[in-house]
Amino acid sequence: MIVATPRLVVDEFSPGLAPSVAQDLLAALRSLESRCAVVMTDQFVAHALQVADSVLVLRRGQVAYPGPAAEMRAEAIERMYSLSEDRKVRTLVKE
């Protein structure tokens, strides 16, 4: 398969990194926006929202929110997860 648009998948890049290093990586991801599509997951929602154009929130394997990142706040995502009985998921989105 030939890929017309280069893609980059970044999975949970920030845990364990110093905040300044995480910010540098976010800046690098932002600089790629005109050259490739980036799919990113991160447990720190605020990080993801800094660079995202769109958001897809999954809750228990189902789409809870698909839409523009500009319309989403980290607190709203946390509320979506707080509906779950799984406390581990709730702590992943807290800052």
Protein backbone atom coordinates (compact mmCIF):
# COMPACT_ATOMS: atom_id res chain seq x y z
CA MET A 1 0.00 0.00 0.00
CA ILE A 2 1.31 3.43 -0.92
CA VAL A 3 0.58 6.14 1.61
CA ALA A 4 -0.17 9.50 0.01
CA THR A 5 -0.03 11.47 3.27
CA PRO A 6 2.74 10.59 5.71
CA ARG A 7 1.43 9.66 9.17
CA LEU A 8 2.99 9.61 12.61
CA VAL A 9 1.50 7.73 15.57
CA VAL A 10 2.60 8.91 19.01
CA ASP A 11 1.40 6.83 21.96
CA GLU A 12 1.69 8.07 25.56
CA PHE A 13 4.83 10.11 25.00
CA SER A 14 4.82 12.29 28.13
CA PRO A 15 4.73 9.99 31.21
CA GLY A 16 8.12 10.03 32.87
CA LEU A 17 9.40 13.05 30.96
CA ALA A 18 10.39 16.32 32.54
CA PRO A 19 7.73 18.97 31.81
CA SER A 20 10.17 21.02 29.72
CA VAL A 21 11.02 17.99 27.58
CA ALA A 22 7.32 17.22 27.09
CA GLN A 23 6.73 20.82 25.97
CA ASP A 24 9.64 20.58 23.51
CA LEU A 25 8.13 17.40 22.03
CA LEU A 26 4.72 19.08 21.73
CA ALA A 27 6.36 21.96 19.86
CA ALA A 28 8.02 19.45 17.52
CA LEU A 29 4.65 17.78 16.88
CA ARG A 30 3.08 21.16 16.11
CA SER A 31 5.84 21.86 13.59
CA LEU A 32 4.90 18.69 11.68
CA GLU A 33 1.27 19.67 11.11
CA SER A 34 1.78 20.87 7.55
CA ARG A 35 3.84 17.83 6.54
CA CYS A 36 2.04 14.83 8.01
CA ALA A 37 -0.99 13.64 9.92
CA VAL A 38 -0.29 12.94 13.60
CA VAL A 39 -2.35 10.56 15.72
CA MET A 40 -1.54 11.03 19.40
CA THR A 41 -2.65 9.48 22.65
CA ASP A 42 -1.62 10.81 26.02
CA GLN A 43 -2.84 10.43 29.55
CA PHE A 44 -2.33 14.14 30.14
CA VAL A 45 -5.32 15.53 28.29
CA ALA A 46 -4.12 19.14 28.40
CA HIS A 47 -0.99 18.14 26.44
CA ALA A 48 -3.02 16.49 23.71
CA LEU A 49 -5.41 19.43 23.48
CA GLN A 50 -2.49 21.83 22.92
CA VAL A 51 -1.70 20.25 19.56
CA ALA A 52 -4.93 18.58 18.47
CA ASP A 53 -7.21 19.75 15.70
CA SER A 54 -9.78 17.10 16.55
CA VAL A 55 -10.51 14.81 19.49
CA LEU A 56 -11.91 11.33 19.77
CA VAL A 57 -12.72 10.33 23.35
CA LEU A 58 -13.31 6.63 23.97
CA ARG A 59 -15.14 5.39 27.05
CA ARG A 60 -15.43 1.64 27.59
CA GLY A 61 -14.61 1.04 23.96
CA GLN A 62 -17.32 3.36 22.66
CA VAL A 63 -16.97 6.83 21.15
CA ALA A 64 -18.01 9.31 23.85
CA TYR A 65 -17.04 12.46 21.94
CA PRO A 66 -15.87 13.06 18.39
CA GLY A 67 -15.25 16.64 17.39
CA PRO A 68 -13.05 19.70 17.20
CA ALA A 69 -10.41 20.09 19.90
CA ALA A 70 -11.25 23.80 20.13
CA GLU A 71 -14.65 22.86 21.56
CA MET A 72 -13.25 20.47 24.18
CA ARG A 73 -11.71 21.18 27.58
CA ALA A 74 -9.67 18.79 29.71
CA GLU A 75 -12.26 19.14 32.50
CA ALA A 76 -15.04 17.99 30.19
CA ILE A 77 -13.08 14.89 29.25
CA GLU A 78 -12.49 14.18 32.93
CA ARG A 79 -16.24 14.41 33.54
CA MET A 80 -16.86 11.89 30.77
CA TYR A 81 -14.55 9.44 32.48
CA SER A 82 -15.93 10.13 35.95
CA LEU A 83 -19.16 8.50 34.83
CA SER A 84 -17.22 5.25 34.75
CA GLU A 85 -16.77 3.07 37.82
CA ASP A 86 -13.19 2.43 36.77
CA ARG A 87 -11.17 4.71 39.05
CA LYS A 88 -7.97 4.02 37.12
CA VAL A 89 -9.43 5.70 34.02
CA ARG A 90 -10.50 8.69 36.12
CA THR A 91 -6.96 9.21 37.44
CA LEU A 92 -5.48 9.11 33.94
CA VAL A 93 -7.22 12.30 32.92
CA LYS A 94 -6.57 14.29 36.08
CA GLU A 95 -3.84 16.89 36.01
